[in-house]
């Protein structure tokens, strides 16, 4: 009788153990499913991306464009409108050719009126300060004295004319003779002085003959 009861008790314990394990698995699976559902429902903090707007392209027109005639001959453009590959080892006073290209926002054409960006210019090999006086303009001084002896000089700022091509800086200092005195140009002052001298001479001559 006792021997028959022991297997029955062991079977009951085994059944209880299996029931406990099955409930534990069910509960564990439910918690994991619930956690998974919660993570899907609430995915956590989201990242925000700030879109940086692209910088607008500058529409400002370069100041040199005002000097550049539109659709004119490239070879006739002012020096401020082009960039040239110059060679300072050329022989002074000799003809020379340089490769040039128009600056941005400048439009020009060739002899056949076709749009052109690269071209060649012909010029004489010399620096800008070596140009004849007719090829540049200089500032005047009204403070120096032209009546002094020897005639005074002043430092003028000279700028090459737009369509003249040369080597080096297009603006340069130069020592020039004073050309103004007392608010008059030197040539005008000279004419007035001669007129006064002639008048005085005539009066003296007339006085002597009386």
Protein backbone atom coordinates (compact mmCIF):
# COMPACT_ATOMS: atom_id res chain seq x y z
CA UNK A 1 0.00 0.00 0.00
CA UNK A 2 2.75 2.47 0.95
CA UNK A 3 4.72 1.44 -2.09
CA UNK A 4 1.76 2.35 -4.33
CA UNK A 5 1.33 5.79 -2.72
CA UNK A 6 4.92 6.96 -3.35
CA UNK A 7 4.73 6.81 -7.16
CA UNK A 8 1.44 8.66 -7.01
CA UNK A 9 2.95 11.46 -4.91
CA UNK A 10 5.92 11.69 -7.23
CA UNK A 11 3.59 12.01 -10.18
CA UNK A 12 1.69 14.82 -8.47
CA UNK A 13 4.90 16.70 -7.72
CA UNK A 14 5.98 16.29 -11.32
CA UNK A 15 2.62 17.60 -12.57
CA UNK A 16 2.83 20.62 -10.28
CA UNK A 17 6.36 21.31 -11.48
CA UNK A 18 5.28 21.14 -15.13
CA UNK A 19 2.31 23.43 -14.41
CA UNK A 20 4.60 25.96 -12.71
CA UNK A 21 7.02 25.91 -15.58
CA UNK A 22 4.26 26.36 -18.15
CA UNK A 23 2.81 29.33 -16.24
CA UNK A 24 6.27 30.87 -15.91
CA UNK A 25 6.87 30.57 -19.65
CA UNK A 26 3.48 32.12 -20.38
CA UNK A 27 4.12 35.00 -18.02
CA UNK A 28 7.63 35.60 -19.37
CA UNK A 29 6.40 35.58 -22.96
CA UNK A 30 3.62 38.01 -22.08
CA UNK A 31 6.03 40.46 -20.46
CA UNK A 32 8.35 40.34 -23.45
CA UNK A 33 5.43 40.82 -25.82
CA UNK A 34 4.17 43.70 -23.74
CA UNK A 35 7.65 45.31 -23.70
CA UNK A 36 7.93 44.87 -27.46
CA UNK A 37 4.51 46.41 -28.00
CA UNK A 38 5.41 49.30 -25.72
CA UNK A 39 8.67 49.94 -27.62
CA UNK A 40 6.78 50.02 -30.91
CA UNK A 41 4.15 52.32 -29.47
CA UNK A 42 6.76 54.62 -27.88
CA UNK A 43 9.95 54.42 -29.97
CA UNK A 44 11.77 56.84 -27.66
CA UNK A 45 13.14 60.29 -28.31
CA UNK A 46 13.36 61.22 -31.96
CA UNK A 47 16.24 63.14 -33.52
CA UNK A 48 15.52 66.48 -35.08
CA UNK A 49 17.54 67.66 -38.06
CA UNK A 50 17.92 71.34 -38.77
CA UNK A 51 17.92 72.09 -42.45
CA UNK A 52 20.43 74.85 -43.15
CA UNK A 53 19.25 76.94 -46.10
CA UNK A 54 21.74 77.23 -48.93
CA UNK A 55 23.43 80.58 -49.13
CA UNK A 56 21.95 82.68 -51.87
CA UNK A 57 24.29 83.39 -54.74
CA UNK A 58 25.53 86.94 -54.82
CA UNK A 59 23.87 89.03 -57.51
CA UNK A 60 26.04 92.07 -56.90
CA UNK A 61 27.58 93.41 -60.09
CA UNK A 62 31.35 93.98 -59.86
CA UNK A 63 32.28 97.68 -60.13
CA UNK A 64 34.54 97.14 -63.14
CA UNK A 65 31.56 96.02 -65.26
CA UNK A 66 30.48 99.66 -65.59
CA UNK A 67 33.62 100.26 -67.69
CA UNK A 68 33.07 97.21 -69.93
CA UNK A 69 30.88 97.71 -73.02
CA UNK A 70 28.58 94.73 -73.56
CA UNK A 71 29.08 92.59 -76.68
CA UNK A 72 31.94 94.75 -77.96
CA UNK A 73 35.19 93.47 -79.40
CA UNK A 74 37.27 91.69 -76.75
CA UNK A 75 40.46 93.26 -78.07
CA UNK A 76 38.98 96.74 -77.49
CA UNK A 77 37.99 96.18 -73.87
CA UNK A 78 39.53 98.43 -71.21
CA UNK A 79 42.34 96.91 -69.16
CA UNK A 80 40.10 96.74 -66.06
CA UNK A 81 37.81 94.25 -67.86
CA UNK A 82 40.41 91.59 -68.63
CA UNK A 83 43.11 89.47 -66.99
CA UNK A 84 46.29 88.89 -69.01
CA UNK A 85 49.26 86.59 -68.57
CA UNK A 86 52.06 89.12 -68.96
CA UNK A 87 55.77 88.53 -69.40
CA UNK A 88 58.09 91.12 -67.86
CA UNK A 89 61.12 89.77 -69.74
CA UNK A 90 59.97 91.18 -73.08
CA UNK A 91 62.25 93.64 -74.88
CA UNK A 92 61.43 97.26 -74.10
CA UNK A 93 59.81 99.13 -76.99
CA UNK A 94 59.21 95.98 -79.02
CA UNK A 95 55.75 94.63 -80.03
CA UNK A 96 54.53 91.79 -77.83
CA UNK A 97 51.40 89.63 -77.58
CA UNK A 98 49.78 88.38 -74.36
CA UNK A 99 47.06 85.79 -73.68
CA UNK A 100 44.05 87.39 -72.00
CA UNK A 101 40.64 86.35 -70.65
CA UNK A 102 37.59 88.43 -69.78
CA UNK A 103 36.68 88.88 -66.13
CA UNK A 104 33.42 87.43 -64.70
CA UNK A 105 30.20 89.17 -65.83
CA UNK A 106 31.96 90.62 -68.90
CA UNK A 107 30.69 89.66 -72.39
CA UNK A 108 32.52 90.36 -75.63
CA UNK A 109 32.83 89.02 -79.18
CA UNK A 110 35.51 88.38 -81.79
CA UNK A 111 35.79 89.79 -85.32
CA UNK A 112 32.96 87.45 -86.45
CA UNK A 113 30.68 88.65 -83.61
CA UNK A 114 30.92 85.28 -81.85
CA UNK A 115 31.03 85.15 -78.07
CA UNK A 116 34.59 84.95 -76.83
CA UNK A 117 36.27 84.42 -73.47
CA UNK A 118 39.96 84.01 -74.35
CA UNK A 119 41.85 86.15 -76.82
CA UNK A 120 45.20 87.82 -77.57
CA UNK A 121 46.13 91.49 -77.28
CA UNK A 122 48.97 93.29 -79.05
CA UNK A 123 50.89 95.98 -77.20
CA UNK A 124 54.31 97.57 -76.85
CA UNK A 125 56.61 96.19 -74.17
CA UNK A 126 56.90 98.95 -71.56
CA UNK A 127 55.85 99.70 -68.00
CA UNK A 128 52.97 102.04 -67.35
CA UNK A 129 55.21 104.79 -65.93
CA UNK A 130 57.19 104.70 -69.20
CA UNK A 131 54.18 105.69 -71.31
CA UNK A 132 54.04 109.08 -73.05
CA UNK A 133 52.23 111.80 -71.12
CA UNK A 134 49.25 111.64 -73.48
CA UNK A 135 48.48 108.06 -72.29
CA UNK A 136 47.80 108.89 -68.64
CA UNK A 137 46.19 111.56 -66.46
CA UNK A 138 47.73 113.07 -63.33
CA UNK A 139 46.43 114.99 -60.35
CA UNK A 140 47.14 118.71 -60.04
CA UNK A 141 48.49 120.66 -57.09
CA UNK A 142 47.31 124.22 -56.37
CA UNK A 143 49.56 124.75 -53.36
CA UNK A 144 53.06 124.74 -54.85
CA UNK A 145 54.62 127.94 -56.21
CA UNK A 146 55.37 128.17 -59.92
CA UNK A 147 57.12 131.54 -59.58
CA UNK A 148 59.98 130.06 -57.58
CA UNK A 149 63.35 129.56 -59.21
CA UNK A 150 64.14 126.86 -59.94
CA UNK A 151 60.56 125.89 -60.68
CA UNK A 152 59.09 123.66 -57.96
CA UNK A 153 57.88 120.13 -58.46
CA UNK A 154 55.17 118.11 -56.70
CA UNK A 155 54.33 114.40 -56.43
CA UNK A 156 51.32 113.65 -58.62
CA UNK A 157 49.24 110.48 -58.76
CA UNK A 158 48.94 109.37 -62.38
CA UNK A 159 46.48 106.82 -63.83
CA UNK A 160 46.74 105.20 -67.26
CA UNK A 161 43.80 105.77 -69.61
CA UNK A 162 41.33 102.89 -69.82
CA UNK A 163 42.16 101.55 -73.28
CA UNK A 164 45.95 101.76 -72.95
CA UNK A 165 47.74 98.49 -72.11
CA UNK A 166 51.04 98.41 -70.25
CA UNK A 167 53.04 96.41 -67.71
CA UNK A 168 52.94 96.91 -63.95
CA UNK A 169 50.72 99.16 -61.85
CA UNK A 170 48.30 101.33 -63.78
CA UNK A 171 48.46 103.99 -61.06
CA UNK A 172 51.86 105.39 -60.14
CA UNK A 173 53.44 108.52 -58.60
CA UNK A 174 55.38 110.99 -60.72
CA UNK A 175 57.24 114.23 -60.06
CA UNK A 176 55.74 117.07 -62.11
CA UNK A 177 56.41 120.78 -62.36
CA UNK A 178 54.05 123.08 -60.45
CA UNK A 179 51.42 124.35 -62.83
CA UNK A 180 49.27 126.63 -60.62
CA UNK A 181 49.89 129.83 -58.74
CA UNK A 182 47.48 132.18 -57.01
CA UNK A 183 44.54 130.20 -58.39
CA UNK A 184 45.78 130.49 -62.00
CA UNK A 185 47.26 127.85 -64.21
CA UNK A 186 50.97 128.33 -64.90
CA UNK A 187 50.42 129.12 -68.58
CA UNK A 188 47.74 131.68 -67.68
CA UNK A 189 49.95 133.24 -65.03
CA UNK A 190 52.78 133.47 -67.55
CA UNK A 191 50.54 135.20 -70.09
CA UNK A 192 49.34 137.67 -67.46
CA UNK A 193 52.92 138.38 -66.41
CA UNK A 194 53.96 139.03 -70.01
CA UNK A 195 50.97 141.29 -70.49
CA UNK A 196 51.87 143.30 -67.41
CA UNK A 197 55.53 143.49 -68.49
CA UNK A 198 54.56 144.71 -71.97
CA UNK A 199 52.23 147.32 -70.47
CA UNK A 200 54.92 148.64 -68.15
CA UNK A 201 57.47 148.71 -70.97
CA UNK A 202 55.11 150.68 -73.22
CA UNK A 203 54.43 153.19 -70.48
CA UNK A 204 58.12 153.69 -69.85
CA UNK A 205 58.82 154.12 -73.54
CA UNK A 206 56.07 156.70 -73.93
CA UNK A 207 57.31 158.56 -70.87
CA UNK A 208 60.82 158.79 -72.24
CA UNK A 209 59.66 160.25 -75.56
CA UNK A 210 57.72 163.05 -73.90
